[in-house]
PDB file of N, CA and C in Angstrom:
ATOM      1  N   MET A   1      88.643  54.438  38.202  1.00  0.00           N
ATOM      2  CA  MET A   1      87.654  54.839  38.449  1.00  0.00           C
ATOM      3  C   MET A   1      87.309  55.132  36.751  1.00  0.00           C
ATOM      4  N   LYS A   2      88.019  56.235  36.257  1.00  0.00           N
ATOM      5  CA  LYS A   2      87.480  56.636  34.845  1.00  0.00           C
ATOM      6  C   LYS A   2      87.922  55.154  33.872  1.00  0.00           C
ATOM      7  N   ARG A   3      88.453  54.441  34.135  1.00  0.00           N
ATOM      8  CA  ARG A   3      88.639  53.137  33.118  1.00  0.00           C
ATOM      9  C   ARG A   3      87.391  52.300  33.478  1.00  0.00           C
ATOM     10  N   THR A   4      86.852  52.286  34.951  1.00  0.00           N
ATOM     11  CA  THR A   4      85.311  51.470  35.045  1.00  0.00           C
ATOM     12  C   THR A   4      84.574  51.990  34.434  1.00  0.00           C
ATOM     13  N   LEU A   5      84.344  53.482  34.467  1.00  0.00           N
ATOM     14  CA  LEU A   5      83.145  53.858  33.680  1.00  0.00           C
ATOM     15  C   LEU A   5      83.132  53.690  32.442  1.00  0.00           C
ATOM     16  N   THR A   6      84.265  53.978  31.937  1.00  0.00           N
ATOM     17  CA  THR A   6      84.792  54.040  30.126  1.00  0.00           C
ATOM     18  C   THR A   6      83.993  52.531  29.950  1.00  0.00           C
ATOM     19  N   THR A   7      84.641  51.571  30.495  1.00  0.00           N
ATOM     20  CA  THR A   7      84.087  50.373  30.411  1.00  0.00           C
ATOM     21  C   THR A   7      82.588  49.833  30.514  1.00  0.00           C
ATOM     22  N   VAL A   8      81.989  50.656  31.288  1.00  0.00           N
ATOM     23  CA  VAL A   8      80.310  50.330  31.478  1.00  0.00           C
ATOM     24  C   VAL A   8      79.892  51.321  30.547  1.00  0.00           C
ATOM     25  N   VAL A   9      80.548  52.453  29.932  1.00  0.00           N
ATOM     26  CA  VAL A   9      79.573  53.162  28.833  1.00  0.00           C
ATOM     27  C   VAL A   9      79.697  52.262  27.576  1.00  0.00           C
ATOM     28  N   LEU A  10      80.778  51.644  27.465  1.00  0.00           N
ATOM     29  CA  LEU A  10      80.882  50.771  25.998  1.00  0.00           C
ATOM     30  C   LEU A  10      80.457  49.318  25.771  1.00  0.00           C
ATOM     31  N   LEU A  11      80.219  49.167  27.297  1.00  0.00           N
ATOM     32  CA  LEU A  11      79.056  47.868  27.113  1.00  0.00           C
ATOM     33  C   LEU A  11      77.880  48.230  27.401  1.00  0.00           C
ATOM     34  N   THR A  12      77.437  49.044  27.498  1.00  0.00           N
ATOM     35  CA  THR A  12      75.914  49.451  27.948  1.00  0.00           C
ATOM     36  C   THR A  12      75.063  48.919  26.512  1.00  0.00           C
ATOM     37  N   PRO A  13      75.635  49.571  25.447  1.00  0.00           N
ATOM     38  CA  PRO A  13      74.770  49.214  24.094  1.00  0.00           C
ATOM     39  C   PRO A  13      74.831  47.977  23.831  1.00  0.00           C
ATOM     40  N   MET A  14      76.072  47.025  24.488  1.00  0.00           N
ATOM     41  CA  MET A  14      75.779  45.689  24.009  1.00  0.00           C
ATOM     42  C   MET A  14      75.132  45.100  24.447  1.00  0.00           C
ATOM     43  N   LEU A  15      74.653  46.012  25.812  1.00  0.00           N
ATOM     44  CA  LEU A  15      72.960  44.836  26.769  1.00  0.00           C
ATOM     45  C   LEU A  15      71.974  45.237  26.009  1.00  0.00           C
ATOM     46  N   THR A  16      71.522  46.402  25.494  1.00  0.00           N
ATOM     47  CA  THR A  16      70.585  46.747  24.786  1.00  0.00           C
ATOM     48  C   THR A  16      70.267  46.498  23.574  1.00  0.00           C
ATOM     49  N   MET A  17      71.102  45.611  22.792  1.00  0.00           N
ATOM     50  CA  MET A  17      71.067  45.280  21.241  1.00  0.00           C
ATOM     51  C   MET A  17      69.943  44.552  21.198  1.00  0.00           C
ATOM     52  N   ALA A  18      69.120  45.102  19.827  1.00  0.00           N
ATOM     53  CA  ALA A  18      68.015  44.383  19.454  1.00  0.00           C
ATOM     54  C   ALA A  18      68.007  43.057  19.286  1.00  0.00           C
ATOM     55  N   ALA A  19      67.125  42.361  19.751  1.00  0.00           N
ATOM     56  CA  ALA A  19      66.838  41.073  19.569  1.00  0.00           C
ATOM     57  C   ALA A  19      66.192  40.215  18.368  1.00  0.00           C
ATOM     58  N   THR A  20      66.288  39.274  17.398  1.00  0.00           N
ATOM     59  CA  THR A  20      65.069  38.876  16.649  1.00  0.00           C
ATOM     60  C   THR A  20      64.414  37.594  17.233  1.00  0.00           C
ATOM     61  N   ASP A  21      63.136  37.272  17.465  1.00  0.00           N
ATOM     62  CA  ASP A  21      62.631  36.594  17.881  1.00  0.00           C
ATOM     63  C   ASP A  21      62.936  35.140  16.531  1.00  0.00           C
ATOM     64  N   GLN A  22      63.109  33.767  17.246  1.00  0.00           N
ATOM     65  CA  GLN A  22      63.503  32.932  16.592  1.00  0.00           C
ATOM     66  C   GLN A  22      62.605  31.566  16.619  1.00  0.00           C
ATOM     67  N   ARG A  23      61.881  30.768  15.832  1.00  0.00           N
ATOM     68  CA  ARG A  23      61.200  29.824  15.598  1.00  0.00           C
ATOM     69  C   ARG A  23      61.726  28.634  14.906  1.00  0.00           C
ATOM     70  N   THR A  24      61.450  27.821  15.379  1.00  0.00           N
ATOM     71  CA  THR A  24      62.156  26.229  15.102  1.00  0.00           C
ATOM     72  C   THR A  24      60.762  25.356  15.526  1.00  0.00           C
ATOM     73  N   VAL A  25      60.556  24.762  14.209  1.00  0.00           N
ATOM     74  CA  VAL A  25      59.507  23.899  14.133  1.00  0.00           C
ATOM     75  C   VAL A  25      59.893  22.138  13.792  1.00  0.00           C
ATOM     76  N   CYS A  26      59.650  21.185  14.700  1.00  0.00           N
ATOM     77  CA  CYS A  26      60.316  19.751  14.554  1.00  0.00           C
ATOM     78  C   CYS A  26      58.663  19.412  14.203  1.00  0.00           C
ATOM     79  N   THR A  27      58.997  18.187  13.111  1.00  0.00           N
ATOM     80  CA  THR A  27      58.329  17.349  13.142  1.00  0.00           C
ATOM     81  C   THR A  27      58.420  15.870  12.929  1.00  0.00           C
ATOM     82  N   HIS A  28      57.589  14.899  13.396  1.00  0.00           N
ATOM     83  CA  HIS A  28      57.859  13.509  13.139  1.00  0.00           C
ATOM     84  C   HIS A  28      56.463  12.850  13.061  1.00  0.00           C
ATOM     85  N   ASP A  29      56.483  12.455  11.661  1.00  0.00           N
ATOM     86  CA  ASP A  29      55.271  11.966  10.982  1.00  0.00           C
ATOM     87  C   ASP A  29      54.205  13.012  10.770  1.00  0.00           C
ATOM     88  N   SER A  30      53.025  13.038  11.471  1.00  0.00           N
ATOM     89  CA  SER A  30      52.241  14.103  11.029  1.00  0.00           C
ATOM     90  C   SER A  30      52.158  14.905  12.594  1.00  0.00           C
ATOM     91  N   GLN A  31      53.087  14.822  13.330  1.00  0.00           N
ATOM     92  CA  GLN A  31      53.017  15.681  14.682  1.00  0.00           C
ATOM     93  C   GLN A  31      53.751  16.903  14.245  1.00  0.00           C
ATOM     94  N   GLU A  32      53.589  17.728  15.204  1.00  0.00           N
ATOM     95  CA  GLU A  32      54.550  19.129  14.821  1.00  0.00           C
ATOM     96  C   GLU A  32      54.748  19.398  16.307  1.00  0.00           C
ATOM     97  N   ARG A  33      55.977  20.264  16.629  1.00  0.00           N
ATOM     98  CA  ARG A  33      56.331  20.611  18.321  1.00  0.00           C
ATOM     99  C   ARG A  33      57.250  22.074  17.321  1.00  0.00           C
ATOM    100  N   VAL A  34      56.650  23.214  18.392  1.00  0.00           N
ATOM    101  CA  VAL A  34      57.659  24.395  17.931  1.00  0.00           C
ATOM    102  C   VAL A  34      57.879  24.935  19.015  1.00  0.00           C
ATOM    103  N   ILE A  35      59.339  25.316  18.849  1.00  0.00           N
ATOM    104  CA  ILE A  35      60.416  26.289  19.763  1.00  0.00           C
ATOM    105  C   ILE A  35      60.537  27.647  19.534  1.00  0.00           C
ATOM    106  N   GLU A  36      60.206  28.712  20.669  1.00  0.00           N
ATOM    107  CA  GLU A  36      60.352  29.395  20.003  1.00  0.00           C
ATOM    108  C   GLU A  36      61.190  30.544  21.026  1.00  0.00           C
ATOM    109  N   LEU A  37      62.129  31.136  20.493  1.00  0.00           N
ATOM    110  CA  LEU A  37      62.721  31.787  20.985  1.00  0.00           C
ATOM    111  C   LEU A  37      62.476  33.367  21.161  1.00  0.00           C
ATOM    112  N   VAL A  38      61.742  33.761  22.417  1.00  0.00           N
ATOM    113  CA  VAL A  38      61.147  34.918  22.391  1.00  0.00           C
ATOM    114  C   VAL A  38      61.274  36.021  22.867  1.00  0.00           C
ATOM    115  N   TYR A  39      61.853  37.441  22.531  1.00  0.00           N
ATOM    116  CA  TYR A  39      62.205  38.607  23.104  1.00  0.00           C
ATOM    117  C   TYR A  39      61.013  39.886  23.341  1.00  0.00           C
ATOM    118  N   PRO A  40      60.094  39.882  24.558  1.00  0.00           N
ATOM    119  CA  PRO A  40      59.286  40.154  24.503  1.00  0.00           C
ATOM    120  C   PRO A  40      59.249  41.997  24.159  1.00  0.00           C
ATOM    121  N   ALA A  41      60.592  42.248  24.935  1.00  0.00           N
ATOM    122  CA  ALA A  41      60.540  43.819  24.774  1.00  0.00           C
ATOM    123  C   ALA A  41      61.535  44.028  23.193  1.00  0.00           C
ATOM    124  N   GLY A  42      62.072  43.159  22.470  1.00  0.00           N
ATOM    125  CA  GLY A  42      62.865  43.270  21.281  1.00  0.00           C
ATOM    126  C   GLY A  42      64.068  43.240  21.815  1.00  0.00           C
ATOM    127  N   ASN A  43      64.590  43.370  23.204  1.00  0.00           N
ATOM    128  CA  ASN A  43      66.007  43.318  23.440  1.00  0.00           C
ATOM    129  C   ASN A  43      66.418  42.133  23.650  1.00  0.00           C
ATOM    130  N   GLN A  44      67.936  41.732  24.460  1.00  0.00           N
ATOM    131  CA  GLN A  44      68.292  40.443  24.525  1.00  0.00           C
ATOM    132  C   GLN A  44      67.317  40.287  25.707  1.00  0.00           C
ATOM    133  N   LEU A  45      67.307  40.763  26.760  1.00  0.00           N
ATOM    134  CA  LEU A  45      66.404  40.844  27.833  1.00  0.00           C
ATOM    135  C   LEU A  45      65.369  41.001  28.122  1.00  0.00           C
ATOM    136  N   PRO A  46      64.453  40.962  28.763  1.00  0.00           N
ATOM    137  CA  PRO A  46      63.968  39.594  28.660  1.00  0.00           C
ATOM    138  C   PRO A  46      63.740  38.411  27.774  1.00  0.00           C
ATOM    139  N   CYS A  47      63.796  37.293  28.008  1.00  0.00           N
ATOM    140  CA  CYS A  47      63.568  36.249  26.797  1.00  0.00           C
ATOM    141  C   CYS A  47      62.964  35.187  27.445  1.00  0.00           C
ATOM    142  N   GLU A  48      62.442  34.533  26.701  1.00  0.00           N
ATOM    143  CA  GLU A  48      61.847  33.271  27.046  1.00  0.00           C
ATOM    144  C   GLU A  48      61.684  32.143  25.841  1.00  0.00           C
ATOM    145  N   VAL A  49      61.457  31.069  26.426  1.00  0.00           N
ATOM    146  CA  VAL A  49      61.588  29.830  25.666  1.00  0.00           C
ATOM    147  C   VAL A  49      60.121  29.488  25.227  1.00  0.00           C
ATOM    148  N   ARG A  50      60.092  29.590  24.530  1.00  0.00           N
ATOM    149  CA  ARG A  50      58.583  28.809  24.373  1.00  0.00           C
ATOM    150  C   ARG A  50      58.044  27.238  23.664  1.00  0.00           C
ATOM    151  N   TYR A  51      57.188  26.665  24.216  1.00  0.00           N
ATOM    152  CA  TYR A  51      57.187  25.322  23.503  1.00  0.00           C
ATOM    153  C   TYR A  51      55.725  24.832  23.339  1.00  0.00           C
ATOM    154  N   THR A  52      55.425  24.579  22.095  1.00  0.00           N
ATOM    155  CA  THR A  52      53.774  24.318  21.605  1.00  0.00           C
ATOM    156  C   THR A  52      53.912  22.740  21.171  1.00  0.00           C
ATOM    157  N   LYS A  53      52.528  21.867  21.662  1.00  0.00           N
ATOM    158  CA  LYS A  53      52.743  21.044  21.669  1.00  0.00           C
ATOM    159  C   LYS A  53      50.878  20.835  21.440  1.00  0.00           C
ATOM    160  N   ASP A  54      50.472  19.889  20.518  1.00  0.00           N
ATOM    161  CA  ASP A  54      48.903  19.563  20.416  1.00  0.00           C
ATOM    162  C   ASP A  54      48.447  20.621  20.855  1.00  0.00           C
ATOM    163  N   GLY A  55      48.955  21.741  20.231  1.00  0.00           N
ATOM    164  CA  GLY A  55      48.009  23.283  20.316  1.00  0.00           C
ATOM    165  C   GLY A  55      47.857  23.738  21.729  1.00  0.00           C
ATOM    166  N   THR A  56      49.083  23.107  22.524  1.00  0.00           N
ATOM    167  CA  THR A  56      49.268  24.321  24.271  1.00  0.00           C
ATOM    168  C   THR A  56      50.718  24.627  24.067  1.00  0.00           C
ATOM    169  N   THR A  57      50.558  25.974  24.398  1.00  0.00           N
ATOM    170  CA  THR A  57      52.058  26.479  24.424  1.00  0.00           C
ATOM    171  C   THR A  57      52.305  27.021  25.837  1.00  0.00           C
ATOM    172  N   GLU A  58      53.585  26.663  26.412  1.00  0.00           N
ATOM    173  CA  GLU A  58      54.020  27.069  27.243  1.00  0.00           C
ATOM    174  C   GLU A  58      55.499  27.458  27.546  1.00  0.00           C
ATOM    175  N   VAL A  59      55.867  28.468  28.422  1.00  0.00           N
ATOM    176  CA  VAL A  59      57.226  29.047  28.744  1.00  0.00           C
ATOM    177  C   VAL A  59      57.906  27.491  29.425  1.00  0.00           C
ATOM    178  N   LEU A  60      58.867  26.970  28.990  1.00  0.00           N
ATOM    179  CA  LEU A  60      59.836  26.442  29.183  1.00  0.00           C
ATOM    180  C   LEU A  60      61.191  27.116  30.376  1.00  0.00           C
ATOM    181  N   TRP A  61      61.524  28.219  29.730  1.00  0.00           N
ATOM    182  CA  TRP A  61      62.585  28.887  30.193  1.00  0.00           C
ATOM    183  C   TRP A  61      62.484  30.203  30.223  1.00  0.00           C
ATOM    184  N   ASN A  62      62.912  31.207  31.139  1.00  0.00           N
ATOM    185  CA  ASN A  62      63.046  32.705  30.949  1.00  0.00           C
ATOM    186  C   ASN A  62      64.104  33.244  31.568  1.00  0.00           C
ATOM    187  N   ALA A  63      64.509  34.557  31.012  1.00  0.00           N
ATOM    188  CA  ALA A  63      65.364  35.421  31.777  1.00  0.00           C
ATOM    189  C   ALA A  63      65.414  36.709  31.808  1.00  0.00           C
ATOM    190  N   GLN A  64      65.719  37.325  33.162  1.00  0.00           N
ATOM    191  CA  GLN A  64      65.784  38.518  33.259  1.00  0.00           C
ATOM    192  C   GLN A  64      66.813  39.273  33.550  1.00  0.00           C
ATOM    193  N   ASN A  65      68.058  38.578  33.516  1.00  0.00           N
ATOM    194  CA  ASN A  65      69.415  39.030  33.956  1.00  0.00           C
ATOM    195  C   ASN A  65      70.586  38.206  33.261  1.00  0.00           C
ATOM    196  N   GLU A  66      70.171  37.172  32.338  1.00  0.00           N
ATOM    197  CA  GLU A  66      71.442  36.427  32.355  1.00  0.00           C
ATOM    198  C   GLU A  66      71.351  36.479  30.740  1.00  0.00           C
ATOM    199  N   THR A  67      71.928  36.862  29.891  1.00  0.00           N
ATOM    200  CA  THR A  67      72.310  37.042  28.624  1.00  0.00           C
ATOM    201  C   THR A  67      72.669  35.520  27.979  1.00  0.00           C
ATOM    202  N   GLN A  68      72.255  34.991  26.840  1.00  0.00           N
ATOM    203  CA  GLN A  68      72.770  34.030  25.970  1.00  0.00           C
ATOM    204  C   GLN A  68      71.649  32.938  27.027  1.00  0.00           C
ATOM    205  N   TYR A  69      71.499  33.026  28.023  1.00  0.00           N
ATOM    206  CA  TYR A  69      70.441  31.804  29.166  1.00  0.00           C
ATOM    207  C   TYR A  69      69.462  31.110  27.820  1.00  0.00           C
ATOM    208  N   CYS A  70      68.414  31.751  27.556  1.00  0.00           N
ATOM    209  CA  CYS A  70      67.306  31.341  26.267  1.00  0.00           C
ATOM    210  C   CYS A  70      68.130  31.146  25.298  1.00  0.00           C
ATOM    211  N   GLU A  71      68.822  31.412  24.760  1.00  0.00           N
ATOM    212  CA  GLU A  71      69.291  31.114  23.416  1.00  0.00           C
ATOM    213  C   GLU A  71      69.666  29.444  23.812  1.00  0.00           C
ATOM    214  N   THR A  72      70.823  29.405  24.749  1.00  0.00           N
ATOM    215  CA  THR A  72      71.429  28.116  25.026  1.00  0.00           C
ATOM    216  C   THR A  72      70.525  26.989  25.257  1.00  0.00           C
ATOM    217  N   LYS A  73      69.137  27.266  26.090  1.00  0.00           N
ATOM    218  CA  LYS A  73      68.296  26.294  26.513  1.00  0.00           C
ATOM    219  C   LYS A  73      67.617  25.945  25.246  1.00  0.00           C
ATOM    220  N   ALA A  74      67.008  27.210  24.537  1.00  0.00           N
ATOM    221  CA  ALA A  74      66.417  26.837  22.997  1.00  0.00           C
ATOM    222  C   ALA A  74      67.531  25.690  22.560  1.00  0.00           C
ATOM    223  N   ALA A  75      68.459  26.265  22.067  1.00  0.00           N
ATOM    224  CA  ALA A  75      69.136  25.121  21.240  1.00  0.00           C
ATOM    225  C   ALA A  75      69.304  23.610  22.045  1.00  0.00           C
ATOM    226  N   GLU A  76      69.530  23.368  23.110  1.00  0.00           N
ATOM    227  CA  GLU A  76      69.544  22.061  23.579  1.00  0.00           C
ATOM    228  C   GLU A  76      68.351  21.487  23.581  1.00  0.00           C
ATOM    229  N   PHE A  77      67.517  21.979  23.624  1.00  0.00           N
ATOM    230  CA  PHE A  77      65.981  21.699  23.819  1.00  0.00           C
ATOM    231  C   PHE A  77      65.434  21.062  21.943  1.00  0.00           C
ATOM    232  N   VAL A  78      66.355  21.967  21.234  1.00  0.00           N
ATOM    233  CA  VAL A  78      66.239  21.226  19.947  1.00  0.00           C
ATOM    234  C   VAL A  78      67.067  20.015  19.474  1.00  0.00           C
ATOM    235  N   GLU A  79      68.294  20.229  20.273  1.00  0.00           N
ATOM    236  CA  GLU A  79      68.719  19.031  19.729  1.00  0.00           C
ATOM    237  C   GLU A  79      68.413  18.144  20.656  1.00  0.00           C
ATOM    238  N   LYS A  80      67.668  18.184  21.776  1.00  0.00           N
ATOM    239  CA  LYS A  80      66.938  16.819  22.277  1.00  0.00           C
ATOM    240  C   LYS A  80      66.157  16.077  21.658  1.00  0.00           C
ATOM    241  N   GLN A  81      65.235  17.307  20.657  1.00  0.00           N
ATOM    242  CA  GLN A  81      64.143  16.580  20.112  1.00  0.00           C
ATOM    243  C   GLN A  81      64.932  15.796  18.933  1.00  0.00           C
ATOM    244  N   ARG A  82      65.660  16.775  18.075  1.00  0.00           N
ATOM    245  CA  ARG A  82      66.502  15.993  16.709  1.00  0.00           C
ATOM    246  C   ARG A  82      66.670  14.388  17.619  1.00  0.00           C
ATOM    247  N   GLY A  83      67.069  14.467  18.828  1.00  0.00           N
ATOM    248  CA  GLY A  83      67.838  13.236  19.534  1.00  0.00           C
ATOM    249  C   GLY A  83      66.591  12.063  19.383  1.00  0.00           C
ATOM    250  N   TRP A  84      65.623  12.533  19.849  1.00  0.00           N
ATOM    251  CA  TRP A  84      64.270  11.650  19.858  1.00  0.00           C
ATOM    252  C   TRP A  84      63.610  11.217  18.414  1.00  0.00           C
ATOM    253  N   GLY A  85      64.459  11.860  17.276  1.00  0.00           N
ATOM    254  CA  GLY A  85      64.285  11.399  15.924  1.00  0.00           C
ATOM    255  C   GLY A  85      63.135  12.260  15.000  1.00  0.00           C
ATOM    256  N   TRP A  86      63.347  13.816  15.854  1.00  0.00           N
ATOM    257  CA  TRP A  86      62.487  14.593  15.073  1.00  0.00           C
ATOM    258  C   TRP A  86      63.187  15.511  14.211  1.00  0.00           C
ATOM    259  N   GLN A  87      62.624  15.984  12.971  1.00  0.00           N
ATOM    260  CA  GLN A  87      63.171  16.434  12.401  1.00  0.00           C
ATOM    261  C   GLN A  87      62.772  18.291  12.272  1.00  0.00           C
ATOM    262  N   CYS A  88      64.109  18.908  12.963  1.00  0.00           N
ATOM    263  CA  CYS A  88      63.587  20.294  13.198  1.00  0.00           C
ATOM    264  C   CYS A  88      64.473  21.219  12.371  1.00  0.00           C
ATOM    265  N   ALA A  89      63.476  22.595  12.095  1.00  0.00           N
ATOM    266  CA  ALA A  89      64.234  23.642  11.102  1.00  0.00           C
ATOM    267  C   ALA A  89      63.808  25.008  11.805  1.00  0.00           C
ATOM    268  N   THR A  90      64.848  25.595  11.794  1.00  0.00           N
ATOM    269  CA  THR A  90      64.707  26.939  12.071  1.00  0.00           C
ATOM    270  C   THR A  90      64.073  27.645  10.846  1.00  0.00           C
ATOM    271  N   GLN A  91      63.290  28.727  11.272  1.00  0.00           N
ATOM    272  CA  GLN A  91      62.649  29.556  10.315  1.00  0.00           C
ATOM    273  C   GLN A  91      63.228  30.937  10.708  1.00  0.00           C
TER     274      GLN A  91
END
């Protein structure tokens, strides 16, 4: 019981670590797409992956409980854009 409590106490700060929003801009000719990794509460959770195309923004993925879910989805989507010939840079 004591070991479990110690583990929970040690892991709790990791679950509430501050997170920084990330913005990736992809361009192709004169077109632009923006993929944003957003942490509305400033922590790792909740998170959203937002996609802006032609002036319209939509949330493609979000997570309330699974850390790294949004990070993985955003990275996969950026790679998909590159595969389609877009030049992407994270800001």
